[in-house]
Amino acid sequence: GKQRRILNLTDNSEKPLGQWNTVIIECKGNTIKI
């Protein structure tokens, strides 16, 4: 019931449906980058 979603910073970073996307998630200490 809480607001748990945090919007990302960009639009149109994904490829068209059916194409391969690459996501990189970096976890270092208490930081996370995507």
Full PDB file with SEQRES, HELIX, SHEET, SSBOND, CRYST1, ORIGX, SCALE, CONECT and MASTER records, all heavy atoms in Angstrom:
SEQRES   1 A   34  GLY LYS GLN ARG ARG ILE LEU ASN LEU THR ASP ASN SER          
SEQRES   2 A   34  GLU LYS PRO LEU GLY GLN TRP ASN THR VAL ILE ILE GLU          
SEQRES   3 A   34  CYS LYS GLY ASN THR ILE LYS ILE                              
SHEET    1 AA1 2 GLU A  26  LYS A  28  0                                        
SHEET    2 AA1 2 THR A  31  LYS A  33 -1                                        
CRYST1    1.000    1.000    1.000  90.00  90.00  90.00 P 1           1          
ORIGX1      1.000000  0.000000  0.000000        0.00000                         
ORIGX2      0.000000  1.000000  0.000000        0.00000                         
ORIGX3      0.000000  0.000000  1.000000        0.00000                         
SCALE1      1.000000  0.000000  0.000000        0.00000                         
SCALE2      0.000000  1.000000  0.000000        0.00000                         
SCALE3      0.000000  0.000000  1.000000        0.00000                         
ATOM      1  N   GLY A   1       0.776  -1.225   0.000  1.00  0.00           N  
ATOM      2  CA  GLY A   1       0.000   0.000   0.000  1.00  0.00           C  
ATOM      3  C   GLY A   1       0.812   1.281   0.000  1.00  0.00           C  
ATOM      4  O   GLY A   1       0.241   2.375  -0.096  1.00  0.00           O  
ATOM      5  N   LYS A   2       2.126   1.191   0.087  1.00  0.00           N  
ATOM      6  CA  LYS A   2       2.981   2.374   0.114  1.00  0.00           C  
ATOM      7  C   LYS A   2       3.518   2.685  -1.290  1.00  0.00           C  
ATOM      8  O   LYS A   2       3.473   1.855  -2.199  1.00  0.00           O  
ATOM      9  CB  LYS A   2       4.149   2.162   1.074  1.00  0.00           C  
ATOM     10  CG  LYS A   2       3.729   1.958   2.530  1.00  0.00           C  
ATOM     11  CD  LYS A   2       3.085   3.214   3.101  1.00  0.00           C  
ATOM     12  CE  LYS A   2       2.771   3.057   4.578  1.00  0.00           C  
ATOM     13  NZ  LYS A   2       2.178   4.289   5.151  1.00  0.00           N  
ATOM     14  N   GLN A   3       4.022   3.910  -1.441  1.00  0.00           N  
ATOM     15  CA  GLN A   3       4.602   4.306  -2.715  1.00  0.00           C  
ATOM     16  C   GLN A   3       6.022   3.753  -2.784  1.00  0.00           C  
ATOM     17  O   GLN A   3       6.963   4.305  -2.234  1.00  0.00           O  
ATOM     18  CB  GLN A   3       4.611   5.826  -2.846  1.00  0.00           C  
ATOM     19  CG  GLN A   3       5.158   6.359  -4.163  1.00  0.00           C  
ATOM     20  CD  GLN A   3       4.510   5.744  -5.384  1.00  0.00           C  
ATOM     21  OE1 GLN A   3       5.018   4.754  -5.923  1.00  0.00           O  
ATOM     22  NE2 GLN A   3       3.371   6.277  -5.811  1.00  0.00           N  
ATOM     23  N   ARG A   4       6.173   2.641  -3.484  1.00  0.00           N  
ATOM     24  CA  ARG A   4       7.445   1.924  -3.527  1.00  0.00           C  
ATOM     25  C   ARG A   4       8.189   2.110  -4.847  1.00  0.00           C  
ATOM     26  O   ARG A   4       9.343   1.736  -4.957  1.00  0.00           O  
ATOM     27  CB  ARG A   4       7.197   0.425  -3.290  1.00  0.00           C  
ATOM     28  CG  ARG A   4       6.552   0.114  -1.941  1.00  0.00           C  
ATOM     29  CD  ARG A   4       6.350  -1.387  -1.726  1.00  0.00           C  
ATOM     30  NE  ARG A   4       5.384  -1.951  -2.661  1.00  0.00           N  
ATOM     31  CZ  ARG A   4       5.691  -2.703  -3.717  1.00  0.00           C  
ATOM     32  NH1 ARG A   4       6.949  -2.995  -3.983  1.00  0.00           N  
ATOM     33  NH2 ARG A   4       4.747  -3.169  -4.513  1.00  0.00           N  
ATOM     34  N   ARG A   5       7.547   2.711  -5.817  1.00  0.00           N  
ATOM     35  CA  ARG A   5       8.147   2.889  -7.135  1.00  0.00           C  
ATOM     36  C   ARG A   5       8.908   4.213  -7.216  1.00  0.00           C  
ATOM     37  O   ARG A   5       8.399   5.253  -6.797  1.00  0.00           O  
ATOM     38  CB  ARG A   5       7.067   2.866  -8.209  1.00  0.00           C  
ATOM     39  CG  ARG A   5       7.585   3.017  -9.634  1.00  0.00           C  
ATOM     40  CD  ARG A   5       6.427   3.168 -10.605  1.00  0.00           C  
ATOM     41  NE  ARG A   5       6.870   3.191 -11.987  1.00  0.00           N  
ATOM     42  CZ  ARG A   5       6.082   3.501 -13.018  1.00  0.00           C  
ATOM     43  NH1 ARG A   5       4.796   3.795 -12.804  1.00  0.00           N  
ATOM     44  NH2 ARG A   5       6.557   3.511 -14.244  1.00  0.00           N  
ATOM     45  N   ILE A   6      10.119   4.162  -7.774  1.00  0.00           N  
ATOM     46  CA  ILE A   6      10.919   5.355  -8.026  1.00  0.00           C  
ATOM     47  C   ILE A   6      11.223   5.393  -9.518  1.00  0.00           C  
ATOM     48  O   ILE A   6      11.925   4.529 -10.048  1.00  0.00           O  
ATOM     49  CB  ILE A   6      12.225   5.344  -7.208  1.00  0.00           C  
ATOM     50  CG1 ILE A   6      11.921   5.230  -5.712  1.00  0.00           C  
ATOM     51  CG2 ILE A   6      13.033   6.604  -7.497  1.00  0.00           C  
ATOM     52  CD1 ILE A   6      13.151   5.085  -4.836  1.00  0.00           C  
ATOM     53  N   LEU A   7      10.684   6.401 -10.197  1.00  0.00           N  
ATOM     54  CA  LEU A   7      10.783   6.466 -11.649  1.00  0.00           C  
ATOM     55  C   LEU A   7      12.227   6.620 -12.110  1.00  0.00           C  
ATOM     56  O   LEU A   7      13.046   7.271 -11.464  1.00  0.00           O  
ATOM     57  CB  LEU A   7       9.960   7.637 -12.183  1.00  0.00           C  
ATOM     58  CG  LEU A   7       8.450   7.580 -11.929  1.00  0.00           C  
ATOM     59  CD1 LEU A   7       7.797   8.867 -12.409  1.00  0.00           C  
ATOM     60  CD2 LEU A   7       7.828   6.376 -12.614  1.00  0.00           C  
ATOM     61  N   ASN A   8      12.522   6.028 -13.266  1.00  0.00           N  
ATOM     62  CA  ASN A   8      13.855   6.189 -13.846  1.00  0.00           C  
ATOM     63  C   ASN A   8      13.988   7.560 -14.510  1.00  0.00           C  
ATOM     64  O   ASN A   8      13.025   8.315 -14.618  1.00  0.00           O  
ATOM     65  CB  ASN A   8      14.166   5.040 -14.810  1.00  0.00           C  
ATOM     66  CG  ASN A   8      13.366   5.117 -16.090  1.00  0.00           C  
ATOM     67  OD1 ASN A   8      13.657   5.924 -16.972  1.00  0.00           O  
ATOM     68  ND2 ASN A   8      12.363   4.265 -16.227  1.00  0.00           N  
ATOM     69  N   LEU A   9      15.201   7.872 -14.969  1.00  0.00           N  
ATOM     70  CA  LEU A   9      15.532   9.222 -15.410  1.00  0.00           C  
ATOM     71  C   LEU A   9      15.294   9.482 -16.897  1.00  0.00           C  
ATOM     72  O   LEU A   9      15.349  10.635 -17.330  1.00  0.00           O  
ATOM     73  CB  LEU A   9      17.013   9.502 -15.104  1.00  0.00           C  
ATOM     74  CG  LEU A   9      17.401   9.544 -13.624  1.00  0.00           C  
ATOM     75  CD1 LEU A   9      18.924   9.488 -13.491  1.00  0.00           C  
ATOM     76  CD2 LEU A   9      16.839  10.780 -12.963  1.00  0.00           C  
ATOM     77  N   THR A  10      15.074   8.443 -17.681  1.00  0.00           N  
ATOM     78  CA  THR A  10      15.037   8.647 -19.127  1.00  0.00           C  
ATOM     79  C   THR A  10      13.822   7.995 -19.764  1.00  0.00           C  
ATOM     80  O   THR A  10      13.167   7.134 -19.183  1.00  0.00           O  
ATOM     81  CB  THR A  10      16.293   8.049 -19.796  1.00  0.00           C  
ATOM     82  OG1 THR A  10      16.262   6.620 -19.642  1.00  0.00           O  
ATOM     83  CG2 THR A  10      17.563   8.603 -19.186  1.00  0.00           C  
ATOM     84  N   ASP A  11      13.549   8.409 -20.973  1.00  0.00           N  
ATOM     85  CA  ASP A  11      12.557   7.748 -21.819  1.00  0.00           C  
ATOM     86  C   ASP A  11      13.263   7.209 -23.065  1.00  0.00           C  
ATOM     87  O   ASP A  11      14.344   7.661 -23.435  1.00  0.00           O  
ATOM     88  CB  ASP A  11      11.466   8.731 -22.254  1.00  0.00           C  
ATOM     89  CG  ASP A  11      10.603   9.183 -21.083  1.00  0.00           C  
ATOM     90  OD1 ASP A  11      10.276   8.327 -20.241  1.00  0.00           O  
ATOM     91  OD2 ASP A  11      10.284  10.382 -20.999  1.00  0.00           O  
ATOM     92  N   ASN A  12      12.645   6.233 -23.699  1.00  0.00           N  
ATOM     93  CA  ASN A  12      13.127   5.716 -24.981  1.00  0.00           C  
ATOM     94  C   ASN A  12      14.524   5.094 -24.918  1.00  0.00           C  
ATOM     95  O   ASN A  12      15.256   5.092 -25.905  1.00  0.00           O  
ATOM     96  CB  ASN A  12      13.116   6.827 -26.041  1.00  0.00           C  
ATOM     97  CG  ASN A  12      11.743   7.439 -26.215  1.00  0.00           C  
ATOM     98  OD1 ASN A  12      10.742   6.731 -26.271  1.00  0.00           O  
ATOM     99  ND2 ASN A  12      11.694   8.762 -26.283  1.00  0.00           N  
ATOM    100  N   SER A  13      14.883   4.537 -23.751  1.00  0.00           N  
ATOM    101  CA  SER A  13      16.180   3.855 -23.647  1.00  0.00           C  
ATOM    102  C   SER A  13      16.084   2.394 -24.080  1.00  0.00           C  
ATOM    103  O   SER A  13      17.109   1.761 -24.328  1.00  0.00           O  
ATOM    104  CB  SER A  13      16.705   3.941 -22.215  1.00  0.00           C  
ATOM    105  OG  SER A  13      15.749   3.441 -21.299  1.00  0.00           O  
ATOM    106  N   GLU A  14      14.882   1.863 -24.185  1.00  0.00           N  
ATOM    107  CA  GLU A  14      14.692   0.468 -24.587  1.00  0.00           C  
ATOM    108  C   GLU A  14      14.599   0.341 -26.104  1.00  0.00           C  
ATOM    109  O   GLU A  14      14.220   1.284 -26.800  1.00  0.00           O  
ATOM    110  CB  GLU A  14      13.415  -0.087 -23.958  1.00  0.00           C  
ATOM    111  CG  GLU A  14      13.434  -0.128 -22.445  1.00  0.00           C  
ATOM    112  CD  GLU A  14      12.062  -0.420 -21.874  1.00  0.00           C  
ATOM    113  OE1 GLU A  14      11.480  -1.456 -22.239  1.00  0.00           O  
ATOM    114  OE2 GLU A  14      11.560   0.389 -21.080  1.00  0.00           O  
ATOM    115  N   LYS A  15      14.914  -0.853 -26.592  1.00  0.00           N  
ATOM    116  CA  LYS A  15      14.800  -1.138 -28.010  1.00  0.00           C  
ATOM    117  C   LYS A  15      13.380  -1.594 -28.335  1.00  0.00           C  
ATOM    118  O   LYS A  15      12.618  -1.967 -27.441  1.00  0.00           O  
ATOM    119  CB  LYS A  15      15.827  -2.192 -28.415  1.00  0.00           C  
ATOM    120  CG  LYS A  15      17.266  -1.694 -28.271  1.00  0.00           C  
ATOM    121  CD  LYS A  15      18.268  -2.734 -28.720  1.00  0.00           C  
ATOM    122  CE  LYS A  15      19.686  -2.211 -28.573  1.00  0.00           C  
ATOM    123  NZ  LYS A  15      20.701  -3.209 -28.984  1.00  0.00           N  
ATOM    124  N   PRO A  16      12.999  -1.583 -29.597  1.00  0.00           N  
ATOM    125  CA  PRO A  16      11.656  -2.019 -29.975  1.00  0.00           C  
ATOM    126  C   PRO A  16      11.360  -3.436 -29.505  1.00  0.00           C  
ATOM    127  O   PRO A  16      12.269  -4.263 -29.376  1.00  0.00           O  
ATOM    128  CB  PRO A  16      11.663  -1.920 -31.501  1.00  0.00           C  
ATOM    129  CG  PRO A  16      12.693  -0.885 -31.801  1.00  0.00           C  
ATOM    130  CD  PRO A  16      13.752  -1.071 -30.760  1.00  0.00           C  
ATOM    131  N   LEU A  17      10.104  -3.705 -29.265  1.00  0.00           N  
ATOM    132  CA  LEU A  17       9.666  -5.007 -28.788  1.00  0.00           C  
ATOM    133  C   LEU A  17      10.223  -6.124 -29.674  1.00  0.00           C  
ATOM    134  O   LEU A  17      10.174  -6.046 -30.896  1.00  0.00           O  
ATOM    135  CB  LEU A  17       8.135  -5.065 -28.781  1.00  0.00           C  
ATOM    136  CG  LEU A  17       7.509  -6.322 -28.186  1.00  0.00           C  
ATOM    137  CD1 LEU A  17       7.789  -6.395 -26.694  1.00  0.00           C  
ATOM    138  CD2 LEU A  17       6.002  -6.337 -28.442  1.00  0.00           C  
ATOM    139  N   GLY A  18      10.754  -7.160 -29.028  1.00  0.00           N  
ATOM    140  CA  GLY A  18      11.307  -8.298 -29.740  1.00  0.00           C  
ATOM    141  C   GLY A  18      12.810  -8.233 -29.913  1.00  0.00           C  
ATOM    142  O   GLY A  18      13.449  -9.268 -30.159  1.00  0.00           O  
ATOM    143  N   GLN A  19      13.390  -7.046 -29.780  1.00  0.00           N  
ATOM    144  CA  GLN A  19      14.844  -6.909 -29.870  1.00  0.00           C  
ATOM    145  C   GLN A  19      15.476  -7.080 -28.489  1.00  0.00           C  
ATOM    146  O   GLN A  19      14.825  -6.920 -27.461  1.00  0.00           O  
ATOM    147  CB  GLN A  19      15.219  -5.550 -30.462  1.00  0.00           C  
ATOM    148  CG  GLN A  19      14.787  -5.358 -31.898  1.00  0.00           C  
ATOM    149  CD  GLN A  19      15.316  -4.064 -32.507  1.00  0.00           C  
ATOM    150  OE1 GLN A  19      16.287  -3.484 -32.042  1.00  0.00           O  
ATOM    151  NE2 GLN A  19      14.655  -3.607 -33.558  1.00  0.00           N  
ATOM    152  N   TRP A  20      16.780  -7.390 -28.485  1.00  0.00           N  
ATOM    153  CA  TRP A  20      17.479  -7.635 -27.243  1.00  0.00           C  
ATOM    154  C   TRP A  20      17.890  -6.327 -26.579  1.00  0.00           C  
ATOM    155  O   TRP A  20      18.418  -5.429 -27.228  1.00  0.00           O  
ATOM    156  CB  TRP A  20      18.731  -8.483 -27.487  1.00  0.00           C  
ATOM    157  CG  TRP A  20      18.400  -9.888 -27.873  1.00  0.00           C  
ATOM    158  CD1 TRP A  20      18.388 -10.418 -29.128  1.00  0.00           C  
ATOM    159  CD2 TRP A  20      18.018 -10.948 -26.990  1.00  0.00           C  
ATOM    160  NE1 TRP A  20      18.025 -11.736 -29.095  1.00  0.00           N  
ATOM    161  CE2 TRP A  20      17.796 -12.101 -27.789  1.00  0.00           C  
ATOM    162  CE3 TRP A  20      17.852 -11.044 -25.602  1.00  0.00           C  
ATOM    163  CZ2 TRP A  20      17.418 -13.326 -27.256  1.00  0.00           C  
ATOM    164  CZ3 TRP A  20      17.477 -12.263 -25.062  1.00  0.00           C  
ATOM    165  CH2 TRP A  20      17.256 -13.378 -25.881  1.00  0.00           C  
ATOM    166  N   ASN A  21      17.626  -6.243 -25.285  1.00  0.00           N  
ATOM    167  CA  ASN A  21      18.053  -5.124 -24.456  1.00  0.00           C  
ATOM    168  C   ASN A  21      19.177  -5.579 -23.527  1.00  0.00           C  
ATOM    169  O   ASN A  21      19.217  -6.742 -23.114  1.00  0.00           O  
ATOM    170  CB  ASN A  21      16.902  -4.599 -23.592  1.00  0.00           C  
ATOM    171  CG  ASN A  21      15.812  -3.959 -24.414  1.00  0.00           C  
ATOM    172  OD1 ASN A  21      15.956  -2.839 -24.891  1.00  0.00           O  
ATOM    173  ND2 ASN A  21      14.704  -4.673 -24.593  1.00  0.00           N  
ATOM    174  N   THR A  22      20.052  -4.661 -23.188  1.00  0.00           N  
ATOM    175  CA  THR A  22      21.102  -4.930 -22.214  1.00  0.00           C  
ATOM    176  C   THR A  22      20.917  -4.017 -21.013  1.00  0.00           C  
ATOM    177  O   THR A  22      20.879  -2.786 -21.158  1.00  0.00           O  
ATOM    178  CB  THR A  22      22.498  -4.686 -22.818  1.00  0.00           C  
ATOM    179  OG1 THR A  22      22.704  -5.566 -23.921  1.00  0.00           O  
ATOM    180  CG2 THR A  22      23.580  -4.942 -21.769  1.00  0.00           C  
ATOM    181  N   VAL A  23      20.760  -4.615 -19.854  1.00  0.00           N  
ATOM    182  CA  VAL A  23      20.681  -3.836 -18.616  1.00  0.00           C  
ATOM    183  C   VAL A  23      21.891  -4.187 -17.762  1.00  0.00           C  
ATOM    184  O   VAL A  23      22.273  -5.355 -17.654  1.00  0.00           O  
ATOM    185  CB  VAL A  23      19.365  -4.108 -17.855  1.00  0.00           C  
ATOM    186  CG1 VAL A  23      19.214  -5.558 -17.454  1.00  0.00           C  
ATOM    187  CG2 VAL A  23      19.267  -3.218 -16.613  1.00  0.00           C  
ATOM    188  N   ILE A  24      22.517  -3.162 -17.207  1.00  0.00           N  
ATOM    189  CA  ILE A  24      23.636  -3.340 -16.291  1.00  0.00           C  
ATOM    190  C   ILE A  24      23.249  -2.762 -14.946  1.00  0.00           C  
ATOM    191  O   ILE A  24      22.787  -1.617 -14.863  1.00  0.00           O  
ATOM    192  CB  ILE A  24      24.911  -2.666 -16.827  1.00  0.00           C  
ATOM    193  CG1 ILE A  24      25.382  -3.361 -18.102  1.00  0.00           C  
ATOM    194  CG2 ILE A  24      26.017  -2.682 -15.765  1.00  0.00           C  
ATOM    195  CD1 ILE A  24      26.573  -2.695 -18.768  1.00  0.00           C  
ATOM    196  N   ILE A  25      23.405  -3.557 -13.915  1.00  0.00           N  
ATOM    197  CA  ILE A  25      23.079  -3.139 -12.545  1.00  0.00           C  
ATOM    198  C   ILE A  25      24.369  -3.204 -11.735  1.00  0.00           C  
ATOM    199  O   ILE A  25      24.956  -4.275 -11.588  1.00  0.00           O  
ATOM    200  CB  ILE A  25      22.012  -4.057 -11.922  1.00  0.00           C  
ATOM    201  CG1 ILE A  25      20.782  -4.154 -12.829  1.00  0.00           C  
ATOM    202  CG2 ILE A  25      21.616  -3.549 -10.536  1.00  0.00           C  
ATOM    203  CD1 ILE A  25      19.845  -5.286 -12.470  1.00  0.00           C  
ATOM    204  N   GLU A  26      24.789  -2.067 -11.250  1.00  0.00           N  
ATOM    205  CA  GLU A  26      26.020  -2.008 -10.459  1.00  0.00           C  
ATOM    206  C   GLU A  26      25.675  -1.774  -8.993  1.00  0.00           C  
ATOM    207  O   GLU A  26      25.058  -0.767  -8.643  1.00  0.00           O  
ATOM    208  CB  GLU A  26      26.927  -0.893 -10.964  1.00  0.00           C  
ATOM    209  CG  GLU A  26      28.255  -0.812 -10.222  1.00  0.00           C  
ATOM    210  CD  GLU A  26      29.131   0.311 -10.723  1.00  0.00           C  
ATOM    211  OE1 GLU A  26      29.794   0.112 -11.764  1.00  0.00           O  
ATOM    212  OE2 GLU A  26      29.134   1.392 -10.088  1.00  0.00           O  
ATOM    213  N   CYS A  27      26.061  -2.718  -8.167  1.00  0.00           N  
ATOM    214  CA  CYS A  27      25.838  -2.632  -6.723  1.00  0.00           C  
ATOM    215  C   CYS A  27      27.199  -2.481  -6.047  1.00  0.00           C  
ATOM    216  O   CYS A  27      28.030  -3.393  -6.117  1.00  0.00           O  
ATOM    217  CB  CYS A  27      25.142  -3.890  -6.207  1.00  0.00           C  
ATOM    218  SG  CYS A  27      23.523  -4.189  -6.945  1.00  0.00           S  
ATOM    219  N   LYS A  28      27.418  -1.342  -5.435  1.00  0.00           N  
ATOM    220  CA  LYS A  28      28.700  -1.066  -4.780  1.00  0.00           C  
ATOM    221  C   LYS A  28      28.425  -0.396  -3.451  1.00  0.00           C  
ATOM    222  O   LYS A  28      27.903   0.718  -3.408  1.00  0.00           O  
ATOM    223  CB  LYS A  28      29.573  -0.188  -5.670  1.00  0.00           C  
ATOM    224  CG  LYS A  28      31.008  -0.047  -5.175  1.00  0.00           C  
ATOM    225  CD  LYS A  28      31.856   0.692  -6.191  1.00  0.00           C  
ATOM    226  CE  LYS A  28      33.307   0.761  -5.744  1.00  0.00           C  
ATOM    227  NZ  LYS A  28      34.152   1.489  -6.739  1.00  0.00           N  
ATOM    228  N   GLY A  29      28.751  -1.094  -2.359  1.00  0.00           N  
ATOM    229  CA  GLY A  29      28.408  -0.568  -1.041  1.00  0.00           C  
ATOM    230  C   GLY A  29      26.899  -0.412  -0.931  1.00  0.00           C  
ATOM    231  O   GLY A  29      26.150  -1.352  -1.202  1.00  0.00           O  
ATOM    232  N   ASN A  30      26.462   0.783  -0.594  1.00  0.00           N  
ATOM    233  CA  ASN A  30      25.025   1.057  -0.460  1.00  0.00           C  
ATOM    234  C   ASN A  30      24.476   1.874  -1.623  1.00  0.00           C  
ATOM    235  O   ASN A  30      23.466   2.574  -1.488  1.00  0.00           O  
ATOM    236  CB  ASN A  30      24.742   1.760   0.866  1.00  0.00           C  
ATOM    237  CG  ASN A  30      25.042   0.881   2.057  1.00  0.00           C  
ATOM    238  OD1 ASN A  30      26.067   1.028   2.714  1.00  0.00           O  
ATOM    239  ND2 ASN A  30      24.156  -0.063   2.343  1.00  0.00           N  
ATOM    240  N   THR A  31      25.154   1.793  -2.776  1.00  0.00           N  
ATOM    241  CA  THR A  31      24.672   2.474  -3.969  1.00  0.00           C  
ATOM    242  C   THR A  31      24.291   1.455  -5.040  1.00  0.00           C  
ATOM    243  O   THR A  31      24.856   0.368  -5.110  1.00  0.00           O  
ATOM    244  CB  THR A  31      25.728   3.431  -4.563  1.00  0.00           C  
ATOM    245  OG1 THR A  31      26.824   2.666  -5.075  1.00  0.00           O  
ATOM    246  CG2 THR A  31      26.227   4.399  -3.515  1.00  0.00           C  
ATOM    247  N   ILE A  32      23.330   1.819  -5.868  1.00  0.00           N  
ATOM    248  CA  ILE A  32      22.923   0.993  -7.002  1.00  0.00           C  
ATOM    249  C   ILE A  32      22.765   1.902  -8.210  1.00  0.00           C  
ATOM    250  O   ILE A  32      22.093   2.938  -8.131  1.00  0.00           O  
ATOM    251  CB  ILE A  32      21.598   0.246  -6.728  1.00  0.00           C  
ATOM    252  CG1 ILE A  32      21.714  -0.661  -5.506  1.00  0.00           C  
ATOM    253  CG2 ILE A  32      21.195  -0.568  -7.959  1.00  0.00           C  
ATOM    254  CD1 ILE A  32      20.403  -1.341  -5.127  1.00  0.00           C  
ATOM    255  N   LYS A  33      23.382   1.517  -9.331  1.00  0.00           N  
ATOM    256  CA  LYS A  33      23.218   2.234 -10.584  1.00  0.00           C  
ATOM    257  C   LYS A  33      22.666   1.276 -11.630  1.00  0.00           C  
ATOM    258  O   LYS A  33      22.994   0.089 -11.620  1.00  0.00           O  
ATOM    259  CB  LYS A  33      24.562   2.796 -11.074  1.00  0.00           C  
ATOM    260  CG  LYS A  33      25.187   3.834 -10.160  1.00  0.00           C  
ATOM    261  CD  LYS A  33      26.518   4.318 -10.740  1.00  0.00           C  
ATOM    262  CE  LYS A  33      27.193   5.326  -9.827  1.00  0.00           C  
ATOM    263  NZ  LYS A  33      28.503   5.776 -10.383  1.00  0.00           N  
ATOM    264  N   ILE A  34      21.843   1.809 -12.533  1.00  0.00           N  
ATOM    265  CA  ILE A  34      21.259   0.993 -13.593  1.00  0.00           C  
ATOM    266  C   ILE A  34      21.475   1.673 -14.939  1.00  0.00           C  
ATOM    267  O   ILE A  34      21.173   2.863 -15.101  1.00  0.00           O  
ATOM    268  CB  ILE A  34      19.743   0.774 -13.377  1.00  0.00           C  
ATOM    269  CG1 ILE A  34      19.455   0.164 -12.007  1.00  0.00           C  
ATOM    270  CG2 ILE A  34      19.164  -0.113 -14.476  1.00  0.00           C  
ATOM    271  CD1 ILE A  34      17.976   0.060 -11.689  1.00  0.00           C  
TER     272      ILE A  34                                                      
MASTER        0    0    0    0    2    0    0    6  271    1    0    3          
END                                                                             
